[in-house]
């Protein structure tokens, strides 16, 4: 498998799942634009086919100008990975409009802006993949995280609608729905869950581990390998799907 000459753009590409995907794509020849809000984080991992671009996906103007810059430097985006996200839980009765908009602004609006801008150039090519990183919470709902769950459900709805819009074209649209992945987000949530549930941090981590059906955290590279599969030979009939990576059925 080779993706030589293909330009990939990954939001939230400086760490965690996004960085694992970026390195996997670069490893098979793609030129990969990695975006994020913190330029220093991006610069620390840049090189070897990874090109940093500071961009806040919740800001439409930044996405418009950022994608345009990436396209000018590396050509049309043919692999679009909206991955940037906020994973924070809050009970509905404690959720104000500002928190709701913060989650939606990054997770759902950011995905929409990114896909829309990347499609502008992708439509002029003969091959393209849009792979949104949703969550198992986009399929089943996550207790205590209504805003997050709604945003991830929305990502899947966006992907499914686009797959219908582009049926019969060389472009496919899919969502990957991981369970708990071993990233900094899980580490940060250990403290939050511990405080919210009144349990120790070890117990909080065990709660997340047990939420995955195979009772372990998922490695970021497992998600990255699924992205490679969706970009690889024979993937052209996988379209409009929400693919679970959670260790078992939900």
C-alpha atoms as a PDB file:
ATOM      1  CA  UNK A   1       0.000   0.000   0.000  1.00  0.00           C
ATOM      2  CA  UNK A   2       1.235   3.468  -0.840  1.00  0.00           C
ATOM      3  CA  UNK A   3      -0.287   6.905  -0.509  1.00  0.00           C
ATOM      4  CA  UNK A   4       2.556   8.695  -2.296  1.00  0.00           C
ATOM      5  CA  UNK A   5       1.428  12.058  -3.591  1.00  0.00           C
ATOM      6  CA  UNK A   6      -1.686  12.159  -1.411  1.00  0.00           C
ATOM      7  CA  UNK A   7      -2.220  15.115   0.914  1.00  0.00           C
ATOM      8  CA  UNK A   8      -3.870  14.288   4.243  1.00  0.00           C
ATOM      9  CA  UNK A   9      -5.128  16.827   6.765  1.00  0.00           C
ATOM     10  CA  UNK A  10      -5.763  15.821  10.377  1.00  0.00           C
ATOM     11  CA  UNK A  11      -7.242  18.166  12.960  1.00  0.00           C
ATOM     12  CA  UNK A  12      -5.999  17.618  16.486  1.00  0.00           C
ATOM     13  CA  UNK A  13      -2.970  15.990  14.900  1.00  0.00           C
ATOM     14  CA  UNK A  14      -0.360  16.938  17.468  1.00  0.00           C
ATOM     15  CA  UNK A  15      -1.075  14.247  20.040  1.00  0.00           C
ATOM     16  CA  UNK A  16      -3.057  11.122  20.856  1.00  0.00           C
ATOM     17  CA  UNK A  17      -5.193   9.514  18.169  1.00  0.00           C
ATOM     18  CA  UNK A  18      -4.528  12.295  15.660  1.00  0.00           C
ATOM     19  CA  UNK A  19      -0.773  11.957  15.915  1.00  0.00           C
ATOM     20  CA  UNK A  20      -0.939   8.163  15.613  1.00  0.00           C
ATOM     21  CA  UNK A  21      -3.002   8.540  12.431  1.00  0.00           C
ATOM     22  CA  UNK A  22      -0.653  11.199  11.059  1.00  0.00           C
ATOM     23  CA  UNK A  23       2.415   9.027  11.556  1.00  0.00           C
ATOM     24  CA  UNK A  24       0.704   5.985  10.059  1.00  0.00           C
ATOM     25  CA  UNK A  25      -0.305   7.912   6.926  1.00  0.00           C
ATOM     26  CA  UNK A  26       3.115   9.507   6.570  1.00  0.00           C
ATOM     27  CA  UNK A  27       4.617   6.035   6.928  1.00  0.00           C
ATOM     28  CA  UNK A  28       2.960   4.969   3.680  1.00  0.00           C
ATOM     29  CA  UNK A  29       3.947   8.070   1.757  1.00  0.00           C
ATOM     30  CA  UNK A  30       1.280  10.695   2.422  1.00  0.00           C
ATOM     31  CA  UNK A  31       2.149  14.330   3.062  1.00  0.00           C
ATOM     32  CA  UNK A  32       0.283  15.114   6.266  1.00  0.00           C
ATOM     33  CA  UNK A  33      -0.869  18.495   7.528  1.00  0.00           C
ATOM     34  CA  UNK A  34      -1.406  18.316  11.287  1.00  0.00           C
ATOM     35  CA  UNK A  35      -3.475  21.049  12.894  1.00  0.00           C
ATOM     36  CA  UNK A  36      -4.087  22.133  16.450  1.00  0.00           C
ATOM     37  CA  UNK A  37      -4.444  25.214  18.598  1.00  0.00           C
ATOM     38  CA  UNK A  38      -0.982  24.970  20.197  1.00  0.00           C
ATOM     39  CA  UNK A  39       1.757  25.578  17.640  1.00  0.00           C
ATOM     40  CA  UNK A  40       4.483  24.477  20.063  1.00  0.00           C
ATOM     41  CA  UNK A  41       2.907  21.012  20.366  1.00  0.00           C
ATOM     42  CA  UNK A  42       2.736  20.682  16.583  1.00  0.00           C
ATOM     43  CA  UNK A  43       6.308  21.851  16.094  1.00  0.00           C
ATOM     44  CA  UNK A  44       7.541  19.258  18.599  1.00  0.00           C
ATOM     45  CA  UNK A  45       6.232  16.383  16.445  1.00  0.00           C
ATOM     46  CA  UNK A  46       6.688  17.896  12.973  1.00  0.00           C
ATOM     47  CA  UNK A  47       8.994  16.416  10.359  1.00  0.00           C
ATOM     48  CA  UNK A  48       9.122  13.052   8.595  1.00  0.00           C
ATOM     49  CA  UNK A  49       6.162  13.978   6.407  1.00  0.00           C
ATOM     50  CA  UNK A  50       4.219  15.896   9.073  1.00  0.00           C
ATOM     51  CA  UNK A  51       3.621  19.625   8.483  1.00  0.00           C
ATOM     52  CA  UNK A  52       2.309  21.797  11.341  1.00  0.00           C
ATOM     53  CA  UNK A  53      -0.540  24.272  10.958  1.00  0.00           C
ATOM     54  CA  UNK A  54      -1.877  26.220  13.942  1.00  0.00           C
ATOM     55  CA  UNK A  55      -5.660  26.349  13.592  1.00  0.00           C
ATOM     56  CA  UNK A  56      -8.625  26.428  15.962  1.00  0.00           C
ATOM     57  CA  UNK A  57     -11.348  24.357  14.316  1.00  0.00           C
ATOM     58  CA  UNK A  58     -14.099  26.160  16.234  1.00  0.00           C
ATOM     59  CA  UNK A  59     -13.176  29.379  14.390  1.00  0.00           C
ATOM     60  CA  UNK A  60     -14.608  29.237  10.859  1.00  0.00           C
ATOM     61  CA  UNK A  61     -12.281  31.928   9.517  1.00  0.00           C
ATOM     62  CA  UNK A  62      -9.212  30.073  10.796  1.00  0.00           C
ATOM     63  CA  UNK A  63     -10.356  26.851   9.140  1.00  0.00           C
ATOM     64  CA  UNK A  64     -11.050  28.583   5.828  1.00  0.00           C
ATOM     65  CA  UNK A  65      -7.648  30.277   5.756  1.00  0.00           C
ATOM     66  CA  UNK A  66      -5.789  27.304   7.252  1.00  0.00           C
ATOM     67  CA  UNK A  67      -7.055  24.744   4.768  1.00  0.00           C
ATOM     68  CA  UNK A  68      -6.430  27.184   1.913  1.00  0.00           C
ATOM     69  CA  UNK A  69      -2.835  27.573   3.069  1.00  0.00           C
ATOM     70  CA  UNK A  70      -2.317  23.814   3.346  1.00  0.00           C
ATOM     71  CA  UNK A  71      -3.764  23.289  -0.140  1.00  0.00           C
ATOM     72  CA  UNK A  72      -1.537  26.015  -1.588  1.00  0.00           C
ATOM     73  CA  UNK A  73       1.526  24.327  -0.092  1.00  0.00           C
ATOM     74  CA  UNK A  74       0.738  20.637  -0.643  1.00  0.00           C
ATOM     75  CA  UNK A  75      -2.145  20.385  -3.085  1.00  0.00           C
ATOM     76  CA  UNK A  76      -5.778  19.343  -2.628  1.00  0.00           C
ATOM     77  CA  UNK A  77      -6.607  17.446   0.541  1.00  0.00           C
ATOM     78  CA  UNK A  78      -7.559  13.914  -0.484  1.00  0.00           C
ATOM     79  CA  UNK A  79      -7.637  12.401   3.003  1.00  0.00           C
ATOM     80  CA  UNK A  80      -9.599  14.529   5.470  1.00  0.00           C
ATOM     81  CA  UNK A  81      -9.599  13.437   9.120  1.00  0.00           C
ATOM     82  CA  UNK A  82     -11.727  15.626  11.408  1.00  0.00           C
ATOM     83  CA  UNK A  83     -10.387  14.424  14.754  1.00  0.00           C
ATOM     84  CA  UNK A  84     -10.084  17.457  17.036  1.00  0.00           C
ATOM     85  CA  UNK A  85     -12.399  17.152  19.975  1.00  0.00           C
ATOM     86  CA  UNK A  86     -13.301  18.091  23.530  1.00  0.00           C
ATOM     87  CA  UNK A  87     -14.078  15.116  25.771  1.00  0.00           C
ATOM     88  CA  UNK A  88     -15.670  16.572  28.869  1.00  0.00           C
ATOM     89  CA  UNK A  89     -18.667  15.328  30.797  1.00  0.00           C
ATOM     90  CA  UNK A  90     -21.261  17.386  32.622  1.00  0.00           C
ATOM     91  CA  UNK A  91     -24.769  16.618  33.819  1.00  0.00           C
ATOM     92  CA  UNK A  92     -27.486  18.320  31.776  1.00  0.00           C
ATOM     93  CA  UNK A  93     -28.807  20.322  34.733  1.00  0.00           C
ATOM     94  CA  UNK A  94     -25.291  21.715  35.193  1.00  0.00           C
ATOM     95  CA  UNK A  95     -24.753  22.422  31.487  1.00  0.00           C
ATOM     96  CA  UNK A  96     -25.002  26.062  30.535  1.00  0.00           C
ATOM     97  CA  UNK A  97     -25.116  27.418  27.006  1.00  0.00           C
ATOM     98  CA  UNK A  98     -21.432  28.334  27.064  1.00  0.00           C
ATOM     99  CA  UNK A  99     -20.340  24.769  27.849  1.00  0.00           C
ATOM    100  CA  UNK A 100     -22.741  23.325  25.259  1.00  0.00           C
ATOM    101  CA  UNK A 101     -21.439  25.678  22.579  1.00  0.00           C
ATOM    102  CA  UNK A 102     -17.809  24.982  23.491  1.00  0.00           C
ATOM    103  CA  UNK A 103     -18.278  21.250  22.953  1.00  0.00           C
ATOM    104  CA  UNK A 104     -20.380  21.634  19.817  1.00  0.00           C
ATOM    105  CA  UNK A 105     -18.116  24.345  18.434  1.00  0.00           C
ATOM    106  CA  UNK A 106     -15.102  22.067  18.422  1.00  0.00           C
ATOM    107  CA  UNK A 107     -16.544  18.597  17.954  1.00  0.00           C
ATOM    108  CA  UNK A 108     -19.341  19.207  15.462  1.00  0.00           C
ATOM    109  CA  UNK A 109     -18.935  22.683  13.980  1.00  0.00           C
ATOM    110  CA  UNK A 110     -15.197  22.065  13.654  1.00  0.00           C
ATOM    111  CA  UNK A 111     -15.789  18.818  11.781  1.00  0.00           C
ATOM    112  CA  UNK A 112     -18.261  20.536   9.456  1.00  0.00           C
ATOM    113  CA  UNK A 113     -15.915  23.450   8.664  1.00  0.00           C
ATOM    114  CA  UNK A 114     -12.990  21.109   8.072  1.00  0.00           C
ATOM    115  CA  UNK A 115     -14.838  18.727   5.776  1.00  0.00           C
ATOM    116  CA  UNK A 116     -16.491  21.537   3.834  1.00  0.00           C
ATOM    117  CA  UNK A 117     -13.210  23.303   3.152  1.00  0.00           C
ATOM    118  CA  UNK A 118     -11.329  20.113   2.262  1.00  0.00           C
ATOM    119  CA  UNK A 119     -14.077  19.017  -0.124  1.00  0.00           C
ATOM    120  CA  UNK A 120     -13.542  22.151  -2.202  1.00  0.00           C
ATOM    121  CA  UNK A 121     -10.268  20.793  -3.556  1.00  0.00           C
ATOM    122  CA  UNK A 122     -10.989  17.091  -3.163  1.00  0.00           C
ATOM    123  CA  UNK A 123     -13.919  17.335  -5.597  1.00  0.00           C
ATOM    124  CA  UNK A 124     -11.477  18.199  -8.371  1.00  0.00           C
ATOM    125  CA  UNK A 125      -9.501  14.979  -7.887  1.00  0.00           C
ATOM    126  CA  UNK A 126     -10.182  11.353  -8.760  1.00  0.00           C
ATOM    127  CA  UNK A 127     -10.023   9.881  -5.249  1.00  0.00           C
ATOM    128  CA  UNK A 128     -10.773  10.979  -1.700  1.00  0.00           C
ATOM    129  CA  UNK A 129     -11.469   9.774   1.821  1.00  0.00           C
ATOM    130  CA  UNK A 130     -13.211  11.592   4.664  1.00  0.00           C
ATOM    131  CA  UNK A 131     -12.835   9.714   7.950  1.00  0.00           C
ATOM    132  CA  UNK A 132     -14.308  11.378  11.022  1.00  0.00           C
ATOM    133  CA  UNK A 133     -13.120  10.309  14.458  1.00  0.00           C
ATOM    134  CA  UNK A 134     -16.368  10.074  16.386  1.00  0.00           C
ATOM    135  CA  UNK A 135     -16.768   7.886  19.482  1.00  0.00           C
ATOM    136  CA  UNK A 136     -18.725   4.971  20.835  1.00  0.00           C
ATOM    137  CA  UNK A 137     -20.657   7.788  22.541  1.00  0.00           C
ATOM    138  CA  UNK A 138     -21.874   8.725  19.070  1.00  0.00           C
ATOM    139  CA  UNK A 139     -23.746   5.428  18.899  1.00  0.00           C
ATOM    140  CA  UNK A 140     -24.896   4.614  22.421  1.00  0.00           C
ATOM    141  CA  UNK A 141     -24.773   7.791  24.452  1.00  0.00           C
ATOM    142  CA  UNK A 142     -22.458   8.306  27.407  1.00  0.00           C
ATOM    143  CA  UNK A 143     -23.893   8.741  30.888  1.00  0.00           C
ATOM    144  CA  UNK A 144     -23.160  12.178  32.291  1.00  0.00           C
ATOM    145  CA  UNK A 145     -21.943  13.555  28.957  1.00  0.00           C
ATOM    146  CA  UNK A 146     -24.968  14.734  27.001  1.00  0.00           C
ATOM    147  CA  UNK A 147     -23.175  17.494  25.091  1.00  0.00           C
ATOM    148  CA  UNK A 148     -20.294  15.226  24.124  1.00  0.00           C
ATOM    149  CA  UNK A 149     -22.632  12.400  23.082  1.00  0.00           C
ATOM    150  CA  UNK A 150     -24.813  14.742  21.042  1.00  0.00           C
ATOM    151  CA  UNK A 151     -21.795  16.198  19.257  1.00  0.00           C
ATOM    152  CA  UNK A 152     -20.477  12.747  18.356  1.00  0.00           C
ATOM    153  CA  UNK A 153     -23.914  11.592  17.169  1.00  0.00           C
ATOM    154  CA  UNK A 154     -23.963  14.712  15.007  1.00  0.00           C
ATOM    155  CA  UNK A 155     -20.623  13.832  13.419  1.00  0.00           C
ATOM    156  CA  UNK A 156     -22.001  10.457  12.369  1.00  0.00           C
ATOM    157  CA  UNK A 157     -25.107  12.110  10.927  1.00  0.00           C
ATOM    158  CA  UNK A 158     -22.929  14.487   8.918  1.00  0.00           C
ATOM    159  CA  UNK A 159     -20.855  11.611   7.550  1.00  0.00           C
ATOM    160  CA  UNK A 160     -23.894   9.521   6.626  1.00  0.00           C
ATOM    161  CA  UNK A 161     -25.513  12.450   4.811  1.00  0.00           C
ATOM    162  CA  UNK A 162     -22.340  13.173   2.854  1.00  0.00           C
ATOM    163  CA  UNK A 163     -22.011   9.519   1.874  1.00  0.00           C
ATOM    164  CA  UNK A 164     -25.475   9.771   0.305  1.00  0.00           C
ATOM    165  CA  UNK A 165     -24.646  13.054  -1.427  1.00  0.00           C
ATOM    166  CA  UNK A 166     -21.568  11.537  -3.077  1.00  0.00           C
ATOM    167  CA  UNK A 167     -22.769   8.031  -3.933  1.00  0.00           C
ATOM    168  CA  UNK A 168     -21.179   6.764  -7.127  1.00  0.00           C
ATOM    169  CA  UNK A 169     -18.199   9.099  -6.869  1.00  0.00           C
ATOM    170  CA  UNK A 170     -14.603   8.167  -5.985  1.00  0.00           C
ATOM    171  CA  UNK A 171     -15.064   9.711  -2.533  1.00  0.00           C
ATOM    172  CA  UNK A 172     -16.115   7.821   0.601  1.00  0.00           C
ATOM    173  CA  UNK A 173     -17.219   9.077   4.002  1.00  0.00           C
ATOM    174  CA  UNK A 174     -16.943   7.009   7.166  1.00  0.00           C
ATOM    175  CA  UNK A 175     -16.749   7.508  10.923  1.00  0.00           C
ATOM    176  CA  UNK A 176     -14.598   5.593  13.374  1.00  0.00           C
ATOM    177  CA  UNK A 177     -16.106   5.160  16.820  1.00  0.00           C
ATOM    178  CA  UNK A 178     -13.508   4.198  19.432  1.00  0.00           C
ATOM    179  CA  UNK A 179     -14.149   3.323  23.032  1.00  0.00           C
ATOM    180  CA  UNK A 180     -11.711   4.586  25.648  1.00  0.00           C
ATOM    181  CA  UNK A 181      -8.292   5.096  24.038  1.00  0.00           C
ATOM    182  CA  UNK A 182      -5.043   5.299  25.976  1.00  0.00           C
ATOM    183  CA  UNK A 183      -4.336   9.006  25.446  1.00  0.00           C
ATOM    184  CA  UNK A 184      -3.849  12.163  27.492  1.00  0.00           C
ATOM    185  CA  UNK A 185      -7.617  12.707  27.399  1.00  0.00           C
ATOM    186  CA  UNK A 186      -8.178   9.525  29.399  1.00  0.00           C
ATOM    187  CA  UNK A 187      -5.479  10.579  31.846  1.00  0.00           C
ATOM    188  CA  UNK A 188      -7.155  13.974  32.341  1.00  0.00           C
ATOM    189  CA  UNK A 189     -10.575  12.393  32.738  1.00  0.00           C
ATOM    190  CA  UNK A 190      -9.313  10.115  35.504  1.00  0.00           C
ATOM    191  CA  UNK A 191      -9.137  13.129  37.812  1.00  0.00           C
ATOM    192  CA  UNK A 192     -12.496  14.508  36.675  1.00  0.00           C
ATOM    193  CA  UNK A 193     -14.297  11.180  37.128  1.00  0.00           C
ATOM    194  CA  UNK A 194     -12.603  10.629  40.466  1.00  0.00           C
ATOM    195  CA  UNK A 195     -13.874  13.965  41.771  1.00  0.00           C
ATOM    196  CA  UNK A 196     -17.336  13.642  40.243  1.00  0.00           C
ATOM    197  CA  UNK A 197     -17.948  10.058  41.376  1.00  0.00           C
ATOM    198  CA  UNK A 198     -16.160  10.287  44.701  1.00  0.00           C
ATOM    199  CA  UNK A 199     -13.805   7.398  43.933  1.00  0.00           C
ATOM    200  CA  UNK A 200     -10.040   7.002  43.843  1.00  0.00           C
ATOM    201  CA  UNK A 201      -8.129   7.703  40.628  1.00  0.00           C
ATOM    202  CA  UNK A 202      -7.322   4.005  40.295  1.00  0.00           C
ATOM    203  CA  UNK A 203     -11.027   3.217  40.553  1.00  0.00           C
ATOM    204  CA  UNK A 204     -11.848   5.947  38.029  1.00  0.00           C
ATOM    205  CA  UNK A 205      -9.347   4.513  35.539  1.00  0.00           C
ATOM    206  CA  UNK A 206     -10.751   1.028  36.107  1.00  0.00           C
ATOM    207  CA  UNK A 207     -14.218   2.361  35.284  1.00  0.00           C
ATOM    208  CA  UNK A 208     -13.015   3.534  31.881  1.00  0.00           C
ATOM    209  CA  UNK A 209     -11.109   0.318  31.210  1.00  0.00           C
ATOM    210  CA  UNK A 210     -14.149  -1.803  32.054  1.00  0.00           C
ATOM    211  CA  UNK A 211     -16.310   0.285  29.697  1.00  0.00           C
ATOM    212  CA  UNK A 212     -14.384  -1.293  26.808  1.00  0.00           C
ATOM    213  CA  UNK A 213     -15.818  -4.739  26.211  1.00  0.00           C
ATOM    214  CA  UNK A 214     -12.407  -6.450  26.191  1.00  0.00           C
ATOM    215  CA  UNK A 215     -11.419  -4.761  29.484  1.00  0.00           C
ATOM    216  CA  UNK A 216      -8.407  -2.813  28.298  1.00  0.00           C
ATOM    217  CA  UNK A 217      -7.714   0.612  26.884  1.00  0.00           C
ATOM    218  CA  UNK A 218      -7.406   0.821  23.106  1.00  0.00           C
ATOM    219  CA  UNK A 219      -4.018   1.790  21.681  1.00  0.00           C
ATOM    220  CA  UNK A 220      -4.042   4.884  19.421  1.00  0.00           C
ATOM    221  CA  UNK A 221      -2.372   2.835  16.690  1.00  0.00           C
ATOM    222  CA  UNK A 222      -5.414   0.536  16.552  1.00  0.00           C
ATOM    223  CA  UNK A 223      -7.447   3.516  15.385  1.00  0.00           C
ATOM    224  CA  UNK A 224      -4.671   4.543  12.995  1.00  0.00           C
ATOM    225  CA  UNK A 225      -4.636   1.105  11.389  1.00  0.00           C
ATOM    226  CA  UNK A 226      -8.381   1.351  10.767  1.00  0.00           C
ATOM    227  CA  UNK A 227      -7.764   4.636   8.943  1.00  0.00           C
ATOM    228  CA  UNK A 228      -5.131   2.968   6.767  1.00  0.00           C
ATOM    229  CA  UNK A 229      -7.619   0.204   5.956  1.00  0.00           C
ATOM    230  CA  UNK A 230     -10.227   2.772   4.869  1.00  0.00           C
ATOM    231  CA  UNK A 231      -7.603   4.402   2.635  1.00  0.00           C
ATOM    232  CA  UNK A 232      -6.300   1.143   1.238  1.00  0.00           C
ATOM    233  CA  UNK A 233      -7.094  -1.024  -1.778  1.00  0.00           C
ATOM    234  CA  UNK A 234     -10.563  -2.542  -1.753  1.00  0.00           C
ATOM    235  CA  UNK A 235     -12.039   0.101   0.572  1.00  0.00           C
ATOM    236  CA  UNK A 236     -14.136   1.836  -2.072  1.00  0.00           C
ATOM    237  CA  UNK A 237     -17.378   0.088  -1.087  1.00  0.00           C
ATOM    238  CA  UNK A 238     -17.062   0.957   2.608  1.00  0.00           C
ATOM    239  CA  UNK A 239     -19.117   4.114   2.755  1.00  0.00           C
ATOM    240  CA  UNK A 240     -21.439   5.803   5.232  1.00  0.00           C
ATOM    241  CA  UNK A 241     -20.376   3.499   8.056  1.00  0.00           C
ATOM    242  CA  UNK A 242     -19.842   4.063  11.791  1.00  0.00           C
ATOM    243  CA  UNK A 243     -17.111   1.567  12.630  1.00  0.00           C
ATOM    244  CA  UNK A 244     -16.794   0.579  16.288  1.00  0.00           C
ATOM    245  CA  UNK A 245     -13.379  -0.011  17.820  1.00  0.00           C
ATOM    246  CA  UNK A 246     -14.411  -0.936  21.320  1.00  0.00           C
ATOM    247  CA  UNK A 247     -13.421  -4.545  21.980  1.00  0.00           C
ATOM    248  CA  UNK A 248     -16.879  -6.022  21.408  1.00  0.00           C
ATOM    249  CA  UNK A 249     -20.498  -5.338  20.580  1.00  0.00           C
ATOM    250  CA  UNK A 250     -22.519  -2.519  22.081  1.00  0.00           C
END
